[in-house]
Amino acid sequence: MNPKHTVLTSQRRPTAGERARGAEVVFERENTNGHIFSILGCRSYESWEQWGAPQAVLVDNCSTMDRWRRWLAY
């Protein structure tokens, strides 16, 4: 398994502007250079979608999105 490029620093509710773009949750991840990436996410049927960051950062966030989506199912 590849090491993650980023670490999760926060999970928050989306702002009004982010909600208007379809987000139900926002995760923030930081890379080793201190750059913060905001990842917008939402439910999609029985799964989820995420966007707003480079592919490597989105890959790092997949397990976090899975946990968030499973939590909503209960």
C-alpha atoms as a PDB file:
ATOM      1  CA  MET A   1       0.000   0.000   0.000  1.00  0.00           C
ATOM      2  CA  ASN A   2       1.290   3.463  -0.858  1.00  0.00           C
ATOM      3  CA  PRO A   3       1.866   5.922   1.975  1.00  0.00           C
ATOM      4  CA  LYS A   4      -0.599   8.772   2.144  1.00  0.00           C
ATOM      5  CA  HIS A   5       0.457  12.112   0.709  1.00  0.00           C
ATOM      6  CA  THR A   6      -1.668  14.058   3.200  1.00  0.00           C
ATOM      7  CA  VAL A   7      -3.124  13.919   6.696  1.00  0.00           C
ATOM      8  CA  LEU A   8      -6.697  14.702   7.667  1.00  0.00           C
ATOM      9  CA  THR A   9      -6.803  17.913   9.689  1.00  0.00           C
ATOM     10  CA  SER A  10     -10.548  18.542   9.971  1.00  0.00           C
ATOM     11  CA  GLN A  11     -14.061  17.625   8.979  1.00  0.00           C
ATOM     12  CA  ARG A  12     -16.694  20.337   8.901  1.00  0.00           C
ATOM     13  CA  ARG A  13     -20.084  21.374   7.615  1.00  0.00           C
ATOM     14  CA  PRO A  14     -19.998  23.147   4.255  1.00  0.00           C
ATOM     15  CA  THR A  15     -20.422  26.887   3.930  1.00  0.00           C
ATOM     16  CA  ALA A  16     -23.421  28.245   2.026  1.00  0.00           C
ATOM     17  CA  GLY A  17     -21.279  28.527  -1.104  1.00  0.00           C
ATOM     18  CA  GLU A  18     -20.029  24.959  -0.767  1.00  0.00           C
ATOM     19  CA  ARG A  19     -23.588  23.708  -0.194  1.00  0.00           C
ATOM     20  CA  ALA A  20     -24.621  25.508  -3.387  1.00  0.00           C
ATOM     21  CA  ARG A  21     -21.979  23.411  -5.193  1.00  0.00           C
ATOM     22  CA  GLY A  22     -23.572  20.231  -3.801  1.00  0.00           C
ATOM     23  CA  ALA A  23     -21.370  19.537  -0.762  1.00  0.00           C
ATOM     24  CA  GLU A  24     -22.782  17.873   2.346  1.00  0.00           C
ATOM     25  CA  VAL A  25     -19.414  17.639   4.101  1.00  0.00           C
ATOM     26  CA  VAL A  26     -15.945  19.174   3.757  1.00  0.00           C
ATOM     27  CA  PHE A  27     -12.726  17.427   4.732  1.00  0.00           C
ATOM     28  CA  GLU A  28      -9.474  19.315   4.973  1.00  0.00           C
ATOM     29  CA  ARG A  29      -6.157  17.541   4.420  1.00  0.00           C
ATOM     30  CA  GLU A  30      -2.626  18.920   4.733  1.00  0.00           C
ATOM     31  CA  ASN A  31       0.402  17.807   2.734  1.00  0.00           C
ATOM     32  CA  THR A  32       4.014  17.745   3.932  1.00  0.00           C
ATOM     33  CA  ASN A  33       4.555  21.282   2.584  1.00  0.00           C
ATOM     34  CA  GLY A  34       1.760  22.680   4.766  1.00  0.00           C
ATOM     35  CA  HIS A  35      -0.717  23.175   1.904  1.00  0.00           C
ATOM     36  CA  ILE A  36      -4.345  22.645   2.966  1.00  0.00           C
ATOM     37  CA  PHE A  37      -6.739  21.003   0.499  1.00  0.00           C
ATOM     38  CA  SER A  38     -10.502  21.227   0.924  1.00  0.00           C
ATOM     39  CA  ILE A  39     -12.389  18.186  -0.315  1.00  0.00           C
ATOM     40  CA  LEU A  40     -16.096  18.552  -0.910  1.00  0.00           C
ATOM     41  CA  GLY A  41     -18.212  15.443  -0.528  1.00  0.00           C
ATOM     42  CA  CYS A  42     -21.776  14.249  -0.764  1.00  0.00           C
ATOM     43  CA  ARG A  43     -23.885  11.118  -0.753  1.00  0.00           C
ATOM     44  CA  SER A  44     -24.648   9.540  -4.101  1.00  0.00           C
ATOM     45  CA  TYR A  45     -27.276   6.830  -3.841  1.00  0.00           C
ATOM     46  CA  GLU A  46     -25.663   4.087  -1.700  1.00  0.00           C
ATOM     47  CA  SER A  47     -22.172   5.500  -2.263  1.00  0.00           C
ATOM     48  CA  TRP A  48     -20.488   8.915  -2.243  1.00  0.00           C
ATOM     49  CA  GLU A  49     -18.740  11.510  -4.416  1.00  0.00           C
ATOM     50  CA  GLN A  50     -15.827  13.818  -3.622  1.00  0.00           C
ATOM     51  CA  TRP A  51     -14.160  16.631  -5.553  1.00  0.00           C
ATOM     52  CA  GLY A  52     -12.137  19.817  -5.226  1.00  0.00           C
ATOM     53  CA  ALA A  53      -8.577  18.515  -4.799  1.00  0.00           C
ATOM     54  CA  PRO A  54      -5.895  16.761  -6.878  1.00  0.00           C
ATOM     55  CA  GLN A  55      -6.375  13.043  -7.492  1.00  0.00           C
ATOM     56  CA  ALA A  56      -3.680  11.931  -5.015  1.00  0.00           C
ATOM     57  CA  VAL A  57      -5.384  13.914  -2.243  1.00  0.00           C
ATOM     58  CA  LEU A  58      -8.798  12.475  -3.153  1.00  0.00           C
ATOM     59  CA  VAL A  59      -7.306   8.968  -3.028  1.00  0.00           C
ATOM     60  CA  ASP A  60      -5.949   9.707   0.450  1.00  0.00           C
ATOM     61  CA  ASN A  61      -9.462  10.697   1.526  1.00  0.00           C
ATOM     62  CA  CYS A  62     -11.357   7.626   0.222  1.00  0.00           C
ATOM     63  CA  SER A  63     -11.376   5.704   3.508  1.00  0.00           C
ATOM     64  CA  THR A  64     -12.506   8.844   5.340  1.00  0.00           C
ATOM     65  CA  MET A  65     -15.372   9.281   2.875  1.00  0.00           C
ATOM     66  CA  ASP A  66     -16.317   5.608   3.313  1.00  0.00           C
ATOM     67  CA  ARG A  67     -16.500   6.002   7.102  1.00  0.00           C
ATOM     68  CA  TRP A  68     -18.533   9.222   6.780  1.00  0.00           C
ATOM     69  CA  ARG A  69     -20.996   7.587   4.385  1.00  0.00           C
ATOM     70  CA  ARG A  70     -21.390   4.461   6.535  1.00  0.00           C
ATOM     71  CA  TRP A  71     -22.011   6.667   9.586  1.00  0.00           C
ATOM     72  CA  LEU A  72     -24.867   8.398   7.728  1.00  0.00           C
ATOM     73  CA  ALA A  73     -26.485   5.057   6.962  1.00  0.00           C
ATOM     74  CA  TYR A  74     -27.245   4.494  10.665  1.00  0.00           C
END
